[in-house]
Amino acid sequence: MDIFLMSTIQNEVLALFREEIPGYLDSDWKEIPLELDSDLFESPGDDFKDAIRKFEKTFKVDLSVVDWSCYFPWENTPLVTRWFKAKREQIEQTRQPLTVRMFAESAKAGRWLYD
């Protein structure tokens, strides 16, 4: 029963993110839909924000506890540091992937499980 429950939650979370965030374009300009292991780093900001708001409301998971700088370190970097490409590459190497699966597993647990 637990496997079925996880599949259902995974499907619901994946459907929510697919509804809010467009897929990625491949080299032939074909849209590739989000999957559970899709990294949400490249998602458009407004679409991503809408998705996480809807996720919080639908699955009752408090995302105010998330340390977003783990997943988007560049957003929290001083402007002067951003000017230097070497620094950018160094900062990007510390970035953790943020996947749909992480949201699905957190939905099942009822709380954010990562950071």
PDB file of N, CA and C in Angstrom:
ATOM      1  N   MET A   1       0.824  -1.201   0.000  1.00  0.00           N
ATOM      2  CA  MET A   1       0.000   0.000   0.000  1.00  0.00           C
ATOM      3  C   MET A   1       0.865   1.261   0.000  1.00  0.00           C
ATOM      4  N   ASP A   2       1.968   1.252   0.746  1.00  0.00           N
ATOM      5  CA  ASP A   2       2.836   2.411   0.824  1.00  0.00           C
ATOM      6  C   ASP A   2       3.445   2.755  -0.536  1.00  0.00           C
ATOM      7  N   ILE A   3       3.796   1.735  -1.326  1.00  0.00           N
ATOM      8  CA  ILE A   3       4.347   1.968  -2.665  1.00  0.00           C
ATOM      9  C   ILE A   3       3.294   2.654  -3.539  1.00  0.00           C
ATOM     10  N   PHE A   4       2.050   2.201  -3.443  1.00  0.00           N
ATOM     11  CA  PHE A   4       0.975   2.826  -4.219  1.00  0.00           C
ATOM     12  C   PHE A   4       0.784   4.271  -3.782  1.00  0.00           C
ATOM     13  N   LEU A   5       0.811   4.504  -2.471  1.00  0.00           N
ATOM     14  CA  LEU A   5       0.634   5.849  -1.950  1.00  0.00           C
ATOM     15  C   LEU A   5       1.731   6.772  -2.462  1.00  0.00           C
ATOM     16  N   MET A   6       2.971   6.306  -2.439  1.00  0.00           N
ATOM     17  CA  MET A   6       4.074   7.137  -2.931  1.00  0.00           C
ATOM     18  C   MET A   6       3.911   7.422  -4.409  1.00  0.00           C
ATOM     19  N   SER A   7       3.503   6.424  -5.178  1.00  0.00           N
ATOM     20  CA  SER A   7       3.299   6.639  -6.607  1.00  0.00           C
ATOM     21  C   SER A   7       2.229   7.693  -6.840  1.00  0.00           C
ATOM     22  N   THR A   8       1.163   7.636  -6.053  1.00  0.00           N
ATOM     23  CA  THR A   8       0.084   8.612  -6.190  1.00  0.00           C
ATOM     24  C   THR A   8       0.581  10.011  -5.854  1.00  0.00           C
ATOM     25  N   ILE A   9       1.289  10.156  -4.749  1.00  0.00           N
ATOM     26  CA  ILE A   9       1.815  11.461  -4.370  1.00  0.00           C
ATOM     27  C   ILE A   9       2.819  11.951  -5.409  1.00  0.00           C
ATOM     28  N   GLN A  10       3.708  11.072  -5.851  1.00  0.00           N
ATOM     29  CA  GLN A  10       4.672  11.459  -6.882  1.00  0.00           C
ATOM     30  C   GLN A  10       3.956  11.964  -8.125  1.00  0.00           C
ATOM     31  N   ASN A  11       2.931  11.239  -8.550  1.00  0.00           N
ATOM     32  CA  ASN A  11       2.179  11.635  -9.738  1.00  0.00           C
ATOM     33  C   ASN A  11       1.486  12.976  -9.544  1.00  0.00           C
ATOM     34  N   GLU A  12       0.919  13.195  -8.362  1.00  0.00           N
ATOM     35  CA  GLU A  12       0.230  14.457  -8.090  1.00  0.00           C
ATOM     36  C   GLU A  12       1.209  15.630  -8.078  1.00  0.00           C
ATOM     37  N   VAL A  13       2.358  15.432  -7.431  1.00  0.00           N
ATOM     38  CA  VAL A  13       3.362  16.503  -7.375  1.00  0.00           C
ATOM     39  C   VAL A  13       3.913  16.775  -8.775  1.00  0.00           C
ATOM     40  N   LEU A  14       4.213  15.718  -9.504  1.00  0.00           N
ATOM     41  CA  LEU A  14       4.721  15.891 -10.864  1.00  0.00           C
ATOM     42  C   LEU A  14       3.699  16.616 -11.735  1.00  0.00           C
ATOM     43  N   ALA A  15       2.438  16.251 -11.625  1.00  0.00           N
ATOM     44  CA  ALA A  15       1.383  16.917 -12.402  1.00  0.00           C
ATOM     45  C   ALA A  15       1.296  18.397 -12.037  1.00  0.00           C
ATOM     46  N   LEU A  16       1.403  18.719 -10.754  1.00  0.00           N
ATOM     47  CA  LEU A  16       1.356  20.113 -10.308  1.00  0.00           C
ATOM     48  C   LEU A  16       2.507  20.909 -10.928  1.00  0.00           C
ATOM     49  N   PHE A  17       3.722  20.364 -10.857  1.00  0.00           N
ATOM     50  CA  PHE A  17       4.874  21.082 -11.413  1.00  0.00           C
ATOM     51  C   PHE A  17       4.788  21.190 -12.934  1.00  0.00           C
ATOM     52  N   ARG A  18       4.305  20.155 -13.590  1.00  0.00           N
ATOM     53  CA  ARG A  18       4.155  20.218 -15.051  1.00  0.00           C
ATOM     54  C   ARG A  18       3.118  21.255 -15.459  1.00  0.00           C
ATOM     55  N   GLU A  19       2.106  21.434 -14.635  1.00  0.00           N
ATOM     56  CA  GLU A  19       1.062  22.414 -14.923  1.00  0.00           C
ATOM     57  C   GLU A  19       1.605  23.840 -14.804  1.00  0.00           C
ATOM     58  N   GLU A  20       2.517  24.043 -13.870  1.00  0.00           N
ATOM     59  CA  GLU A  20       3.024  25.388 -13.594  1.00  0.00           C
ATOM     60  C   GLU A  20       4.306  25.749 -14.353  1.00  0.00           C
ATOM     61  N   ILE A  21       5.132  24.752 -14.644  1.00  0.00           N
ATOM     62  CA  ILE A  21       6.439  25.009 -15.256  1.00  0.00           C
ATOM     63  C   ILE A  21       6.508  24.313 -16.612  1.00  0.00           C
ATOM     64  N   PRO A  22       6.787  25.072 -17.652  1.00  0.00           N
ATOM     65  CA  PRO A  22       6.898  24.425 -18.963  1.00  0.00           C
ATOM     66  C   PRO A  22       8.106  23.496 -18.999  1.00  0.00           C
ATOM     67  N   GLY A  23       8.061  22.534 -19.877  1.00  0.00           N
ATOM     68  CA  GLY A  23       9.192  21.613 -20.022  1.00  0.00           C
ATOM     69  C   GLY A  23      10.385  22.307 -20.651  1.00  0.00           C
ATOM     70  N   TYR A  24      11.402  21.537 -20.903  1.00  0.00           N
ATOM     71  CA  TYR A  24      12.626  22.045 -21.513  1.00  0.00           C
ATOM     72  C   TYR A  24      12.618  21.736 -23.001  1.00  0.00           C
ATOM     73  N   LEU A  25      13.327  22.548 -23.770  1.00  0.00           N
ATOM     74  CA  LEU A  25      13.451  22.298 -25.201  1.00  0.00           C
ATOM     75  C   LEU A  25      14.731  21.517 -25.458  1.00  0.00           C
ATOM     76  N   ASP A  26      14.611  20.467 -26.283  1.00  0.00           N
ATOM     77  CA  ASP A  26      15.812  19.713 -26.641  1.00  0.00           C
ATOM     78  C   ASP A  26      16.485  20.376 -27.835  1.00  0.00           C
ATOM     79  N   SER A  27      17.524  19.755 -28.362  1.00  0.00           N
ATOM     80  CA  SER A  27      18.276  20.358 -29.471  1.00  0.00           C
ATOM     81  C   SER A  27      17.454  20.491 -30.751  1.00  0.00           C
ATOM     82  N   ASP A  28      16.362  19.718 -30.874  1.00  0.00           N
ATOM     83  CA  ASP A  28      15.467  19.817 -32.033  1.00  0.00           C
ATOM     84  C   ASP A  28      14.262  20.712 -31.755  1.00  0.00           C
ATOM     85  N   TRP A  29      14.313  21.448 -30.657  1.00  0.00           N
ATOM     86  CA  TRP A  29      13.259  22.359 -30.242  1.00  0.00           C
ATOM     87  C   TRP A  29      11.957  21.634 -29.875  1.00  0.00           C
ATOM     88  N   LYS A  30      12.075  20.380 -29.474  1.00  0.00           N
ATOM     89  CA  LYS A  30      10.909  19.634 -28.981  1.00  0.00           C
ATOM     90  C   LYS A  30      10.848  19.806 -27.471  1.00  0.00           C
ATOM     91  N   GLU A  31       9.629  20.026 -26.970  1.00  0.00           N
ATOM     92  CA  GLU A  31       9.486  20.213 -25.530  1.00  0.00           C
ATOM     93  C   GLU A  31       9.585  18.876 -24.810  1.00  0.00           C
ATOM     94  N   ILE A  32      10.451  18.843 -23.806  1.00  0.00           N
ATOM     95  CA  ILE A  32      10.625  17.686 -22.954  1.00  0.00           C
ATOM     96  C   ILE A  32       9.957  18.024 -21.620  1.00  0.00           C
ATOM     97  N   PRO A  33       8.931  17.276 -21.234  1.00  0.00           N
ATOM     98  CA  PRO A  33       8.239  17.611 -19.979  1.00  0.00           C
ATOM     99  C   PRO A  33       9.112  17.319 -18.757  1.00  0.00           C
ATOM    100  N   LEU A  34       8.800  18.003 -17.666  1.00  0.00           N
ATOM    101  CA  LEU A  34       9.491  17.749 -16.412  1.00  0.00           C
ATOM    102  C   LEU A  34       9.303  16.295 -15.995  1.00  0.00           C
ATOM    103  N   GLU A  35      10.313  15.747 -15.355  1.00  0.00           N
ATOM    104  CA  GLU A  35      10.251  14.404 -14.771  1.00  0.00           C
ATOM    105  C   GLU A  35      10.591  14.538 -13.295  1.00  0.00           C
ATOM    106  N   LEU A  36      10.457  13.457 -12.552  1.00  0.00           N
ATOM    107  CA  LEU A  36      10.741  13.503 -11.120  1.00  0.00           C
ATOM    108  C   LEU A  36      12.166  13.960 -10.821  1.00  0.00           C
ATOM    109  N   ASP A  37      13.117  13.587 -11.658  1.00  0.00           N
ATOM    110  CA  ASP A  37      14.508  13.952 -11.401  1.00  0.00           C
ATOM    111  C   ASP A  37      14.967  15.184 -12.173  1.00  0.00           C
ATOM    112  N   SER A  38      14.031  15.926 -12.748  1.00  0.00           N
ATOM    113  CA  SER A  38      14.380  17.175 -13.424  1.00  0.00           C
ATOM    114  C   SER A  38      14.879  18.182 -12.394  1.00  0.00           C
ATOM    115  N   ASP A  39      15.998  18.833 -12.716  1.00  0.00           N
ATOM    116  CA  ASP A  39      16.532  19.881 -11.851  1.00  0.00           C
ATOM    117  C   ASP A  39      15.773  21.167 -12.175  1.00  0.00           C
ATOM    118  N   LEU A  40      15.225  21.798 -11.167  1.00  0.00           N
ATOM    119  CA  LEU A  40      14.382  22.979 -11.353  1.00  0.00           C
ATOM    120  C   LEU A  40      15.189  24.275 -11.408  1.00  0.00           C
ATOM    121  N   PHE A  41      16.503  24.167 -11.425  1.00  0.00           N
ATOM    122  CA  PHE A  41      17.379  25.342 -11.407  1.00  0.00           C
ATOM    123  C   PHE A  41      17.118  26.289 -12.568  1.00  0.00           C
ATOM    124  N   GLU A  42      16.875  25.756 -13.744  1.00  0.00           N
ATOM    125  CA  GLU A  42      16.697  26.583 -14.938  1.00  0.00           C
ATOM    126  C   GLU A  42      15.243  27.021 -15.154  1.00  0.00           C
ATOM    127  N   SER A  43      14.355  26.660 -14.256  1.00  0.00           N
ATOM    128  CA  SER A  43      12.939  27.014 -14.413  1.00  0.00           C
ATOM    129  C   SER A  43      12.754  28.521 -14.351  1.00  0.00           C
ATOM    130  N   PRO A  44      11.852  29.047 -15.178  1.00  0.00           N
ATOM    131  CA  PRO A  44      11.582  30.490 -15.127  1.00  0.00           C
ATOM    132  C   PRO A  44      11.110  30.899 -13.732  1.00  0.00           C
ATOM    133  N   GLY A  45      11.660  31.998 -13.228  1.00  0.00           N
ATOM    134  CA  GLY A  45      11.395  32.452 -11.862  1.00  0.00           C
ATOM    135  C   GLY A  45       9.939  32.540 -11.472  1.00  0.00           C
ATOM    136  N   ASP A  46       9.123  33.198 -12.294  1.00  0.00           N
ATOM    137  CA  ASP A  46       7.710  33.360 -11.952  1.00  0.00           C
ATOM    138  C   ASP A  46       6.990  32.018 -11.948  1.00  0.00           C
ATOM    139  N   ASP A  47       7.287  31.174 -12.916  1.00  0.00           N
ATOM    140  CA  ASP A  47       6.659  29.851 -12.972  1.00  0.00           C
ATOM    141  C   ASP A  47       7.049  29.028 -11.749  1.00  0.00           C
ATOM    142  N   PHE A  48       8.326  29.093 -11.377  1.00  0.00           N
ATOM    143  CA  PHE A  48       8.805  28.352 -10.220  1.00  0.00           C
ATOM    144  C   PHE A  48       8.125  28.841  -8.944  1.00  0.00           C
ATOM    145  N   LYS A  49       8.040  30.148  -8.786  1.00  0.00           N
ATOM    146  CA  LYS A  49       7.398  30.714  -7.593  1.00  0.00           C
ATOM    147  C   LYS A  49       5.926  30.312  -7.522  1.00  0.00           C
ATOM    148  N   ASP A  50       5.240  30.341  -8.650  1.00  0.00           N
ATOM    149  CA  ASP A  50       3.837  29.904  -8.674  1.00  0.00           C
ATOM    150  C   ASP A  50       3.717  28.437  -8.292  1.00  0.00           C
ATOM    151  N   ALA A  51       4.635  27.624  -8.789  1.00  0.00           N
ATOM    152  CA  ALA A  51       4.599  26.187  -8.498  1.00  0.00           C
ATOM    153  C   ALA A  51       4.811  25.914  -7.016  1.00  0.00           C
ATOM    154  N   ILE A  52       5.772  26.593  -6.404  1.00  0.00           N
ATOM    155  CA  ILE A  52       6.012  26.299  -4.987  1.00  0.00           C
ATOM    156  C   ILE A  52       4.895  26.839  -4.103  1.00  0.00           C
ATOM    157  N   ARG A  53       4.282  27.949  -4.497  1.00  0.00           N
ATOM    158  CA  ARG A  53       3.121  28.446  -3.733  1.00  0.00           C
ATOM    159  C   ARG A  53       1.975  27.437  -3.803  1.00  0.00           C
ATOM    160  N   LYS A  54       1.726  26.943  -4.990  1.00  0.00           N
ATOM    161  CA  LYS A  54       0.656  25.959  -5.171  1.00  0.00           C
ATOM    162  C   LYS A  54       0.995  24.652  -4.446  1.00  0.00           C
ATOM    163  N   PHE A  55       2.269  24.248  -4.485  1.00  0.00           N
ATOM    164  CA  PHE A  55       2.711  23.048  -3.779  1.00  0.00           C
ATOM    165  C   PHE A  55       2.443  23.186  -2.282  1.00  0.00           C
ATOM    166  N   GLU A  56       2.853  24.314  -1.701  1.00  0.00           N
ATOM    167  CA  GLU A  56       2.644  24.544  -0.261  1.00  0.00           C
ATOM    168  C   GLU A  56       1.178  24.440   0.115  1.00  0.00           C
ATOM    169  N   LYS A  57       0.352  25.077  -0.681  1.00  0.00           N
ATOM    170  CA  LYS A  57      -1.084  25.095  -0.397  1.00  0.00           C
ATOM    171  C   LYS A  57      -1.704  23.709  -0.568  1.00  0.00           C
ATOM    172  N   THR A  58      -1.359  23.013  -1.633  1.00  0.00           N
ATOM    173  CA  THR A  58      -1.956  21.714  -1.945  1.00  0.00           C
ATOM    174  C   THR A  58      -1.505  20.624  -0.982  1.00  0.00           C
ATOM    175  N   PHE A  59      -0.203  20.594  -0.684  1.00  0.00           N
ATOM    176  CA  PHE A  59       0.341  19.488   0.110  1.00  0.00           C
ATOM    177  C   PHE A  59       0.638  19.862   1.557  1.00  0.00           C
ATOM    178  N   LYS A  60       0.346  21.112   1.924  1.00  0.00           N
ATOM    179  CA  LYS A  60       0.518  21.579   3.312  1.00  0.00           C
ATOM    180  C   LYS A  60       1.942  21.362   3.823  1.00  0.00           C
ATOM    181  N   VAL A  61       2.918  21.678   2.979  1.00  0.00           N
ATOM    182  CA  VAL A  61       4.325  21.585   3.355  1.00  0.00           C
ATOM    183  C   VAL A  61       4.862  23.005   3.480  1.00  0.00           C
ATOM    184  N   ASP A  62       5.411  23.326   4.657  1.00  0.00           N
ATOM    185  CA  ASP A  62       5.954  24.655   4.912  1.00  0.00           C
ATOM    186  C   ASP A  62       7.320  24.796   4.246  1.00  0.00           C
ATOM    187  N   LEU A  63       7.399  25.624   3.221  1.00  0.00           N
ATOM    188  CA  LEU A  63       8.659  25.828   2.508  1.00  0.00           C
ATOM    189  C   LEU A  63       9.435  27.040   3.018  1.00  0.00           C
ATOM    190  N   SER A  64       8.924  27.688   4.059  1.00  0.00           N
ATOM    191  CA  SER A  64       9.656  28.820   4.628  1.00  0.00           C
ATOM    192  C   SER A  64      10.935  28.356   5.317  1.00  0.00           C
ATOM    193  N   VAL A  65      11.043  27.059   5.589  1.00  0.00           N
ATOM    194  CA  VAL A  65      12.232  26.509   6.241  1.00  0.00           C
ATOM    195  C   VAL A  65      13.332  26.145   5.237  1.00  0.00           C
ATOM    196  N   VAL A  66      13.047  26.223   3.956  1.00  0.00           N
ATOM    197  CA  VAL A  66      14.007  25.833   2.930  1.00  0.00           C
ATOM    198  C   VAL A  66      15.135  26.860   2.847  1.00  0.00           C
ATOM    199  N   ASP A  67      16.366  26.379   2.817  1.00  0.00           N
ATOM    200  CA  ASP A  67      17.523  27.246   2.603  1.00  0.00           C
ATOM    201  C   ASP A  67      17.755  27.316   1.095  1.00  0.00           C
ATOM    202  N   TRP A  68      17.089  28.261   0.445  1.00  0.00           N
ATOM    203  CA  TRP A  68      17.125  28.369  -1.011  1.00  0.00           C
ATOM    204  C   TRP A  68      18.530  28.632  -1.543  1.00  0.00           C
ATOM    205  N   SER A  69      19.415  29.168  -0.704  1.00  0.00           N
ATOM    206  CA  SER A  69      20.776  29.451  -1.169  1.00  0.00           C
ATOM    207  C   SER A  69      21.540  28.165  -1.509  1.00  0.00           C
ATOM    208  N   CYS A  70      21.110  27.024  -0.990  1.00  0.00           N
ATOM    209  CA  CYS A  70      21.743  25.740  -1.364  1.00  0.00           C
ATOM    210  C   CYS A  70      21.491  25.419  -2.833  1.00  0.00           C
ATOM    211  N   TYR A  71      20.343  25.843  -3.334  1.00  0.00           N
ATOM    212  CA  TYR A  71      19.909  25.497  -4.682  1.00  0.00           C
ATOM    213  C   TYR A  71      20.109  26.637  -5.674  1.00  0.00           C
ATOM    214  N   PHE A  72      20.148  27.860  -5.168  1.00  0.00           N
ATOM    215  CA  PHE A  72      20.323  29.045  -6.002  1.00  0.00           C
ATOM    216  C   PHE A  72      21.391  29.951  -5.372  1.00  0.00           C
ATOM    217  N   PRO A  73      22.634  29.466  -5.265  1.00  0.00           N
ATOM    218  CA  PRO A  73      23.663  30.254  -4.562  1.00  0.00           C
ATOM    219  C   PRO A  73      23.987  31.574  -5.242  1.00  0.00           C
ATOM    220  N   TRP A  74      23.833  31.620  -6.530  1.00  0.00           N
ATOM    221  CA  TRP A  74      24.158  32.826  -7.286  1.00  0.00           C
ATOM    222  C   TRP A  74      23.245  33.981  -6.903  1.00  0.00           C
ATOM    223  N   GLU A  75      22.013  33.670  -6.533  1.00  0.00           N
ATOM    224  CA  GLU A  75      21.045  34.705  -6.165  1.00  0.00           C
ATOM    225  C   GLU A  75      21.457  35.437  -4.893  1.00  0.00           C
ATOM    226  N   ASN A  76      22.256  34.793  -4.059  1.00  0.00           N
ATOM    227  CA  ASN A  76      22.641  35.368  -2.771  1.00  0.00           C
ATOM    228  C   ASN A  76      24.099  35.814  -2.737  1.00  0.00           C
ATOM    229  N   THR A  77      24.659  36.043  -3.909  1.00  0.00           N
ATOM    230  CA  THR A  77      26.062  36.426  -4.017  1.00  0.00           C
ATOM    231  C   THR A  77      26.159  37.933  -4.263  1.00  0.00           C
ATOM    232  N   PRO A  78      27.067  38.620  -3.570  1.00  0.00           N
ATOM    233  CA  PRO A  78      27.215  40.064  -3.784  1.00  0.00           C
ATOM    234  C   PRO A  78      27.539  40.394  -5.248  1.00  0.00           C
ATOM    235  N   LEU A  79      27.076  41.537  -5.686  1.00  0.00           N
ATOM    236  CA  LEU A  79      27.251  41.976  -7.064  1.00  0.00           C
ATOM    237  C   LEU A  79      28.717  41.995  -7.487  1.00  0.00           C
ATOM    238  N   VAL A  80      29.597  42.464  -6.638  1.00  0.00           N
ATOM    239  CA  VAL A  80      31.015  42.547  -6.981  1.00  0.00           C
ATOM    240  C   VAL A  80      31.559  41.154  -7.299  1.00  0.00           C
ATOM    241  N   THR A  81      31.154  40.153  -6.540  1.00  0.00           N
ATOM    242  CA  THR A  81      31.616  38.784  -6.771  1.00  0.00           C
ATOM    243  C   THR A  81      31.094  38.261  -8.103  1.00  0.00           C
ATOM    244  N   ARG A  82      29.893  38.654  -8.479  1.00  0.00           N
ATOM    245  CA  ARG A  82      29.288  38.185  -9.730  1.00  0.00           C
ATOM    246  C   ARG A  82      30.063  38.631 -10.964  1.00  0.00           C
ATOM    247  N   TRP A  83      30.836  39.710 -10.847  1.00  0.00           N
ATOM    248  CA  TRP A  83      31.579  40.228 -11.981  1.00  0.00           C
ATOM    249  C   TRP A  83      32.713  39.316 -12.411  1.00  0.00           C
ATOM    250  N   PHE A  84      33.166  38.472 -11.538  1.00  0.00           N
ATOM    251  CA  PHE A  84      34.322  37.628 -11.833  1.00  0.00           C
ATOM    252  C   PHE A  84      33.879  36.217 -12.189  1.00  0.00           C
ATOM    253  N   LYS A  85      34.148  35.826 -13.427  1.00  0.00           N
ATOM    254  CA  LYS A  85      33.704  34.533 -13.938  1.00  0.00           C
ATOM    255  C   LYS A  85      34.235  33.370 -13.097  1.00  0.00           C
ATOM    256  N   ALA A  86      35.470  33.436 -12.685  1.00  0.00           N
ATOM    257  CA  ALA A  86      36.058  32.352 -11.881  1.00  0.00           C
ATOM    258  C   ALA A  86      35.273  32.169 -10.582  1.00  0.00           C
ATOM    259  N   LYS A  87      34.879  33.268  -9.979  1.00  0.00           N
ATOM    260  CA  LYS A  87      34.085  33.192  -8.747  1.00  0.00           C
ATOM    261  C   LYS A  87      32.727  32.559  -9.027  1.00  0.00           C
ATOM    262  N   ARG A  88      32.133  32.913 -10.157  1.00  0.00           N
ATOM    263  CA  ARG A  88      30.832  32.359 -10.502  1.00  0.00           C
ATOM    264  C   ARG A  88      30.912  30.836 -10.626  1.00  0.00           C
ATOM    265  N   GLU A  89      31.926  30.362 -11.340  1.00  0.00           N
ATOM    266  CA  GLU A  89      32.089  28.916 -11.512  1.00  0.00           C
ATOM    267  C   GLU A  89      32.307  28.230 -10.170  1.00  0.00           C
ATOM    268  N   GLN A  90      33.057  28.864  -9.297  1.00  0.00           N
ATOM    269  CA  GLN A  90      33.307  28.303  -7.970  1.00  0.00           C
ATOM    270  C   GLN A  90      32.002  28.233  -7.166  1.00  0.00           C
ATOM    271  N   ILE A  91      31.197  29.268  -7.239  1.00  0.00           N
ATOM    272  CA  ILE A  91      29.930  29.303  -6.519  1.00  0.00           C
ATOM    273  C   ILE A  91      28.966  28.266  -7.084  1.00  0.00           C
ATOM    274  N   GLU A  92      28.911  28.162  -8.407  1.00  0.00           N
ATOM    275  CA  GLU A  92      28.001  27.204  -9.041  1.00  0.00           C
ATOM    276  C   GLU A  92      28.346  25.761  -8.669  1.00  0.00           C
ATOM    277  N   GLN A  93      29.607  25.476  -8.415  1.00  0.00           N
ATOM    278  CA  GLN A  93      30.002  24.118  -8.034  1.00  0.00           C
ATOM    279  C   GLN A  93      29.433  23.713  -6.686  1.00  0.00           C
ATOM    280  N   THR A  94      29.052  24.672  -5.855  1.00  0.00           N
ATOM    281  CA  THR A  94      28.498  24.360  -4.537  1.00  0.00           C
ATOM    282  C   THR A  94      26.988  24.136  -4.592  1.00  0.00           C
ATOM    283  N   ARG A  95      26.392  24.415  -5.725  1.00  0.00           N
ATOM    284  CA  ARG A  95      24.936  24.316  -5.854  1.00  0.00           C
ATOM    285  C   ARG A  95      24.470  22.864  -5.774  1.00  0.00           C
ATOM    286  N   GLN A  96      23.419  22.643  -4.983  1.00  0.00           N
ATOM    287  CA  GLN A  96      22.797  21.328  -4.893  1.00  0.00           C
ATOM    288  C   GLN A  96      21.641  21.276  -5.891  1.00  0.00           C
ATOM    289  N   PRO A  97      21.381  20.128  -6.500  1.00  0.00           N
ATOM    290  CA  PRO A  97      20.232  20.033  -7.402  1.00  0.00           C
ATOM    291  C   PRO A  97      18.929  20.137  -6.614  1.00  0.00           C
ATOM    292  N   LEU A  98      17.925  20.716  -7.232  1.00  0.00           N
ATOM    293  CA  LEU A  98      16.593  20.832  -6.644  1.00  0.00           C
ATOM    294  C   LEU A  98      15.639  20.145  -7.609  1.00  0.00           C
ATOM    295  N   THR A  99      15.106  18.994  -7.223  1.00  0.00           N
ATOM    296  CA  THR A  99      14.308  18.187  -8.139  1.00  0.00           C
ATOM    297  C   THR A  99      12.850  18.087  -7.719  1.00  0.00           C
ATOM    298  N   VAL A 100      12.026  17.716  -8.660  1.00  0.00           N
ATOM    299  CA  VAL A 100      10.610  17.476  -8.384  1.00  0.00           C
ATOM    300  C   VAL A 100      10.477  16.343  -7.365  1.00  0.00           C
ATOM    301  N   ARG A 101      11.344  15.329  -7.466  1.00  0.00           N
ATOM    302  CA  ARG A 101      11.308  14.205  -6.525  1.00  0.00           C
ATOM    303  C   ARG A 101      11.470  14.677  -5.074  1.00  0.00           C
ATOM    304  N   MET A 102      12.299  15.684  -4.850  1.00  0.00           N
ATOM    305  CA  MET A 102      12.489  16.213  -3.502  1.00  0.00           C
ATOM    306  C   MET A 102      11.177  16.766  -2.967  1.00  0.00           C
ATOM    307  N   PHE A 103      10.423  17.422  -3.825  1.00  0.00           N
ATOM    308  CA  PHE A 103       9.125  17.943  -3.405  1.00  0.00           C
ATOM    309  C   PHE A 103       8.135  16.799  -3.154  1.00  0.00           C
ATOM    310  N   ALA A 104       8.179  15.768  -3.995  1.00  0.00           N
ATOM    311  CA  ALA A 104       7.281  14.620  -3.825  1.00  0.00           C
ATOM    312  C   ALA A 104       7.569  13.895  -2.516  1.00  0.00           C
ATOM    313  N   GLU A 105       8.832  13.665  -2.217  1.00  0.00           N
ATOM    314  CA  GLU A 105       9.186  12.983  -0.969  1.00  0.00           C
ATOM    315  C   GLU A 105       8.825  13.833   0.243  1.00  0.00           C
ATOM    316  N   SER A 106       8.986  15.129   0.119  1.00  0.00           N
ATOM    317  CA  SER A 106       8.602  16.028   1.209  1.00  0.00           C
ATOM    318  C   SER A 106       7.088  16.059   1.394  1.00  0.00           C
ATOM    319  N   ALA A 107       6.348  15.994   0.283  1.00  0.00           N
ATOM    320  CA  ALA A 107       4.881  15.952   0.377  1.00  0.00           C
ATOM    321  C   ALA A 107       4.432  14.704   1.131  1.00  0.00           C
ATOM    322  N   LYS A 108       5.060  13.589   0.844  1.00  0.00           N
ATOM    323  CA  LYS A 108       4.718  12.342   1.540  1.00  0.00           C
ATOM    324  C   LYS A 108       5.007  12.445   3.029  1.00  0.00           C
ATOM    325  N   ALA A 109       6.130  13.081   3.377  1.00  0.00           N
ATOM    326  CA  ALA A 109       6.522  13.222   4.781  1.00  0.00           C
ATOM    327  C   ALA A 109       5.745  14.325   5.498  1.00  0.00           C
ATOM    328  N   GLY A 110       5.188  15.257   4.719  1.00  0.00           N
ATOM    329  CA  GLY A 110       4.450  16.366   5.318  1.00  0.00           C
ATOM    330  C   GLY A 110       5.329  17.507   5.778  1.00  0.00           C
ATOM    331  N   ARG A 111       6.598  17.462   5.405  1.00  0.00           N
ATOM    332  CA  ARG A 111       7.553  18.527   5.766  1.00  0.00           C
ATOM    333  C   ARG A 111       8.726  18.480   4.800  1.00  0.00           C
ATOM    334  N   TRP A 112       9.463  19.591   4.708  1.00  0.00           N
ATOM    335  CA  TRP A 112      10.634  19.649   3.837  1.00  0.00           C
ATOM    336  C   TRP A 112      11.729  18.772   4.439  1.00  0.00           C
ATOM    337  N   LEU A 113      12.292  17.891   3.633  1.00  0.00           N
ATOM    338  CA  LEU A 113      13.241  16.893   4.115  1.00  0.00           C
ATOM    339  C   LEU A 113      14.705  17.222   3.840  1.00  0.00           C
ATOM    340  N   TYR A 114      14.991  18.306   3.163  1.00  0.00           N
ATOM    341  CA  TYR A 114      16.340  18.540   2.668  1.00  0.00           C
ATOM    342  C   TYR A 114      16.984  19.783   3.264  1.00  0.00           C
ATOM    343  N   ASP A 115      18.227  20.060   2.874  1.00  0.00           N
ATOM    344  CA  ASP A 115      19.110  21.185   3.240  1.00  0.00           C
ATOM    345  C   ASP A 115      20.102  20.720   4.215  1.00  0.00           C
TER     346      ASP A 115
END
